[in-house]
């Protein structure tokens, strides 16, 4: 397992993490020659994004952004 000093790890963190994820190559970050942490890839897949999970189940009206505009205007400006 590769040991990397903390300064080098800060400088190249993105590429080190990418290598750990893609190639499964774990590494140890050390400070003043003493091992501090081990970085290793997570075996479980990350949860998928829930964006759009209701797509096709609901419909938003075309005039959604102006619905109730008259009533809202009346509440703030007062009835005329």
N, C-alpha and C. Protein backbone atom coordinates (compact mmCIF):
# COMPACT_ATOMS: atom_id res chain seq x y z
N UNK A 1 0.85 -1.17 0.00
CA UNK A 1 0.00 0.00 0.00
C UNK A 1 0.90 1.24 0.00
N UNK A 2 0.53 2.17 -0.82
CA UNK A 2 1.32 3.39 -1.01
C UNK A 2 1.10 4.36 0.16
N UNK A 3 2.19 4.99 0.64
CA UNK A 3 2.10 6.00 1.68
C UNK A 3 2.46 7.35 1.08
N UNK A 4 1.61 8.33 1.35
CA UNK A 4 1.77 9.66 0.76
C UNK A 4 1.77 10.68 1.89
N UNK A 5 2.70 11.67 1.82
CA UNK A 5 2.70 12.68 2.87
C UNK A 5 1.51 13.61 2.68
N UNK A 6 1.12 14.27 3.75
CA UNK A 6 -0.10 15.07 3.74
C UNK A 6 -0.06 16.21 2.73
N UNK A 7 1.11 16.81 2.52
CA UNK A 7 1.22 17.91 1.55
C UNK A 7 0.93 17.39 0.13
N UNK A 8 1.53 16.27 -0.22
CA UNK A 8 1.30 15.69 -1.55
C UNK A 8 -0.17 15.26 -1.70
N UNK A 9 -0.75 14.73 -0.62
CA UNK A 9 -2.15 14.30 -0.66
C UNK A 9 -3.07 15.50 -0.92
N UNK A 10 -2.79 16.64 -0.26
CA UNK A 10 -3.61 17.83 -0.49
C UNK A 10 -3.48 18.31 -1.93
N UNK A 11 -2.28 18.23 -2.46
CA UNK A 11 -2.02 18.71 -3.82
C UNK A 11 -2.68 17.83 -4.88
N UNK A 12 -2.69 16.53 -4.66
CA UNK A 12 -3.16 15.58 -5.68
C UNK A 12 -4.37 14.75 -5.22
N UNK A 13 -5.16 15.29 -4.29
CA UNK A 13 -6.24 14.51 -3.69
C UNK A 13 -7.23 13.96 -4.73
N UNK A 14 -7.63 14.78 -5.69
CA UNK A 14 -8.61 14.32 -6.69
C UNK A 14 -8.11 13.10 -7.45
N UNK A 15 -6.89 13.15 -7.93
CA UNK A 15 -6.36 12.02 -8.71
C UNK A 15 -6.12 10.80 -7.82
N UNK A 16 -5.72 11.01 -6.58
CA UNK A 16 -5.53 9.88 -5.67
C UNK A 16 -6.85 9.18 -5.38
N UNK A 17 -7.90 9.96 -5.16
CA UNK A 17 -9.21 9.38 -4.90
C UNK A 17 -9.73 8.66 -6.14
N UNK A 18 -9.56 9.26 -7.30
CA UNK A 18 -10.00 8.62 -8.54
C UNK A 18 -9.31 7.27 -8.72
N UNK A 19 -8.01 7.23 -8.46
CA UNK A 19 -7.26 5.98 -8.58
C UNK A 19 -7.77 4.95 -7.58
N UNK A 20 -8.08 5.39 -6.36
CA UNK A 20 -8.61 4.48 -5.34
C UNK A 20 -9.96 3.91 -5.76
N UNK A 21 -10.81 4.75 -6.36
CA UNK A 21 -12.14 4.31 -6.78
C UNK A 21 -12.06 3.38 -7.98
N UNK A 22 -11.35 3.80 -9.01
CA UNK A 22 -11.31 3.04 -10.27
C UNK A 22 -10.48 1.77 -10.15
N UNK A 23 -9.27 1.89 -9.60
CA UNK A 23 -8.36 0.75 -9.55
C UNK A 23 -8.40 0.00 -8.23
N UNK A 24 -9.11 0.54 -7.25
CA UNK A 24 -9.16 -0.12 -5.95
C UNK A 24 -7.87 0.03 -5.17
N UNK A 25 -7.04 1.00 -5.55
CA UNK A 25 -5.73 1.18 -4.92
C UNK A 25 -5.86 2.09 -3.69
N UNK A 26 -5.85 1.49 -2.51
CA UNK A 26 -5.91 2.25 -1.27
C UNK A 26 -4.56 2.93 -1.02
N UNK A 27 -4.58 3.96 -0.19
CA UNK A 27 -3.33 4.62 0.18
C UNK A 27 -3.42 5.16 1.60
N UNK A 28 -2.26 5.41 2.18
CA UNK A 28 -2.16 5.94 3.53
C UNK A 28 -1.61 7.34 3.47
N UNK A 29 -2.23 8.26 4.22
CA UNK A 29 -1.72 9.62 4.31
C UNK A 29 -0.95 9.72 5.62
N UNK A 30 0.28 10.21 5.50
CA UNK A 30 1.12 10.33 6.69
C UNK A 30 1.50 11.78 6.93
N UNK A 31 1.85 12.06 8.17
CA UNK A 31 2.30 13.39 8.57
C UNK A 31 3.58 13.21 9.37
N UNK A 32 4.63 13.86 8.90
CA UNK A 32 5.95 13.73 9.54
C UNK A 32 6.38 12.27 9.63
N UNK A 33 6.05 11.49 8.61
CA UNK A 33 6.46 10.09 8.55
C UNK A 33 5.58 9.14 9.35
N UNK A 34 4.57 9.67 10.05
CA UNK A 34 3.68 8.81 10.83
C UNK A 34 2.36 8.63 10.10
N UNK A 35 1.94 7.39 9.91
CA UNK A 35 0.66 7.15 9.24
C UNK A 35 -0.49 7.78 10.03
N UNK A 36 -1.39 8.48 9.33
CA UNK A 36 -2.52 9.15 9.98
C UNK A 36 -3.86 8.49 9.59
N UNK A 37 -4.10 8.33 8.29
CA UNK A 37 -5.36 7.74 7.82
C UNK A 37 -5.11 6.85 6.61
N UNK A 38 -6.03 5.91 6.43
CA UNK A 38 -5.99 5.08 5.23
C UNK A 38 -7.21 5.44 4.40
N UNK A 39 -7.03 5.67 3.12
CA UNK A 39 -8.12 5.99 2.20
C UNK A 39 -8.33 4.76 1.33
N UNK A 40 -9.57 4.28 1.32
CA UNK A 40 -9.90 3.10 0.54
C UNK A 40 -11.28 3.29 -0.08
N UNK A 41 -11.53 2.62 -1.16
CA UNK A 41 -12.81 2.76 -1.86
C UNK A 41 -13.91 2.10 -1.05
N UNK A 42 -15.10 2.66 -1.14
CA UNK A 42 -16.28 2.11 -0.48
C UNK A 42 -16.81 0.99 -1.35
N UNK A 43 -17.04 -0.17 -0.76
CA UNK A 43 -17.47 -1.33 -1.54
C UNK A 43 -18.93 -1.21 -1.98
N UNK A 44 -19.77 -0.63 -1.12
CA UNK A 44 -21.19 -0.53 -1.44
C UNK A 44 -21.42 0.60 -2.45
N UNK A 45 -22.31 0.40 -3.39
CA UNK A 45 -22.60 1.46 -4.35
C UNK A 45 -23.29 2.64 -3.63
N UNK A 46 -23.01 3.82 -4.12
CA UNK A 46 -23.65 5.01 -3.56
C UNK A 46 -25.11 5.05 -3.97
N UNK A 47 -25.95 5.66 -3.13
CA UNK A 47 -27.37 5.76 -3.43
C UNK A 47 -27.58 6.63 -4.66
N UNK A 48 -28.45 6.20 -5.53
CA UNK A 48 -28.74 6.96 -6.74
C UNK A 48 -29.52 8.22 -6.40
N UNK A 49 -29.37 9.20 -7.24
CA UNK A 49 -30.10 10.46 -7.06
C UNK A 49 -31.59 10.23 -7.20
N UNK A 50 -32.37 10.95 -6.40
CA UNK A 50 -33.82 10.81 -6.47
C UNK A 50 -34.45 11.89 -7.34
N UNK A 51 -33.64 12.71 -7.99
CA UNK A 51 -34.18 13.76 -8.85
C UNK A 51 -35.03 13.13 -9.95
N UNK A 52 -36.23 13.61 -10.08
CA UNK A 52 -37.12 13.13 -11.13
C UNK A 52 -37.84 11.83 -10.81
N UNK A 53 -37.84 11.40 -9.54
CA UNK A 53 -38.44 10.11 -9.22
C UNK A 53 -39.96 10.09 -9.39
N UNK A 54 -40.60 11.28 -9.47
CA UNK A 54 -42.04 11.32 -9.70
C UNK A 54 -42.39 11.63 -11.16
N UNK A 55 -41.40 11.67 -12.02
CA UNK A 55 -41.66 11.99 -13.41
C UNK A 55 -42.65 10.98 -14.01
N UNK A 56 -43.67 11.52 -14.64
CA UNK A 56 -44.70 10.68 -15.23
C UNK A 56 -45.84 10.36 -14.29
N UNK A 57 -45.70 10.70 -13.01
CA UNK A 57 -46.75 10.43 -12.03
C UNK A 57 -47.58 11.66 -11.69
N UNK A 58 -47.03 12.83 -11.93
CA UNK A 58 -47.77 14.07 -11.66
C UNK A 58 -47.66 14.99 -12.87
N UNK A 59 -48.59 15.93 -12.96
CA UNK A 59 -48.53 16.90 -14.03
C UNK A 59 -48.59 18.30 -13.43
N UNK A 60 -47.74 19.18 -13.92
CA UNK A 60 -47.73 20.57 -13.48
C UNK A 60 -48.40 21.39 -14.57
N UNK A 61 -49.42 22.18 -14.21
CA UNK A 61 -50.11 22.98 -15.22
C UNK A 61 -49.17 23.99 -15.87
N UNK A 62 -49.45 24.33 -17.12
CA UNK A 62 -48.63 25.29 -17.85
C UNK A 62 -48.62 26.66 -17.18
N UNK A 63 -49.71 27.03 -16.52
CA UNK A 63 -49.78 28.35 -15.89
C UNK A 63 -49.42 28.30 -14.40
N UNK A 64 -48.66 27.31 -13.98
CA UNK A 64 -48.32 27.13 -12.57
C UNK A 64 -47.67 28.36 -11.95
N UNK A 65 -46.80 29.02 -12.69
CA UNK A 65 -46.06 30.17 -12.15
C UNK A 65 -46.93 31.41 -11.97
N UNK A 66 -48.15 31.42 -12.54
CA UNK A 66 -49.03 32.58 -12.36
C UNK A 66 -50.35 32.22 -11.67
N UNK A 67 -50.50 30.99 -11.26
CA UNK A 67 -51.72 30.56 -10.59
C UNK A 67 -51.91 31.35 -9.29
N UNK A 68 -53.08 31.90 -9.09
CA UNK A 68 -53.39 32.64 -7.88
C UNK A 68 -52.73 34.01 -7.80
N UNK A 69 -52.17 34.49 -8.89
CA UNK A 69 -51.47 35.77 -8.88
C UNK A 69 -52.39 36.92 -8.47
N UNK A 70 -53.62 36.89 -8.95
CA UNK A 70 -54.57 37.96 -8.60
C UNK A 70 -54.88 37.96 -7.11
N UNK A 71 -55.10 36.79 -6.54
CA UNK A 71 -55.40 36.70 -5.12
C UNK A 71 -54.19 37.13 -4.28
N UNK A 72 -53.01 36.72 -4.67
CA UNK A 72 -51.80 37.08 -3.93
C UNK A 72 -51.59 38.59 -4.02
N UNK A 73 -51.77 39.15 -5.19
CA UNK A 73 -51.63 40.58 -5.37
C UNK A 73 -52.63 41.32 -4.48
N UNK A 74 -53.85 40.83 -4.43
CA UNK A 74 -54.88 41.46 -3.61
C UNK A 74 -54.52 41.39 -2.13
N UNK A 75 -53.92 40.28 -1.68
CA UNK A 75 -53.54 40.15 -0.27
C UNK A 75 -52.45 41.15 0.12
N UNK A 76 -51.52 41.41 -0.79
CA UNK A 76 -50.42 42.32 -0.46
C UNK A 76 -50.75 43.78 -0.74
N UNK A 77 -51.50 44.01 -1.77
CA UNK A 77 -51.82 45.39 -2.17
C UNK A 77 -53.18 45.85 -1.64
N UNK A 78 -53.97 44.94 -1.19
CA UNK A 78 -55.30 45.28 -0.70
C UNK A 78 -56.30 45.32 -1.84
N UNK A 79 -57.52 45.06 -1.50
CA UNK A 79 -58.58 45.10 -2.52
C UNK A 79 -58.82 46.54 -2.96
N UNK A 80 -59.06 46.71 -4.25
CA UNK A 80 -59.31 48.05 -4.78
C UNK A 80 -60.70 48.15 -5.30
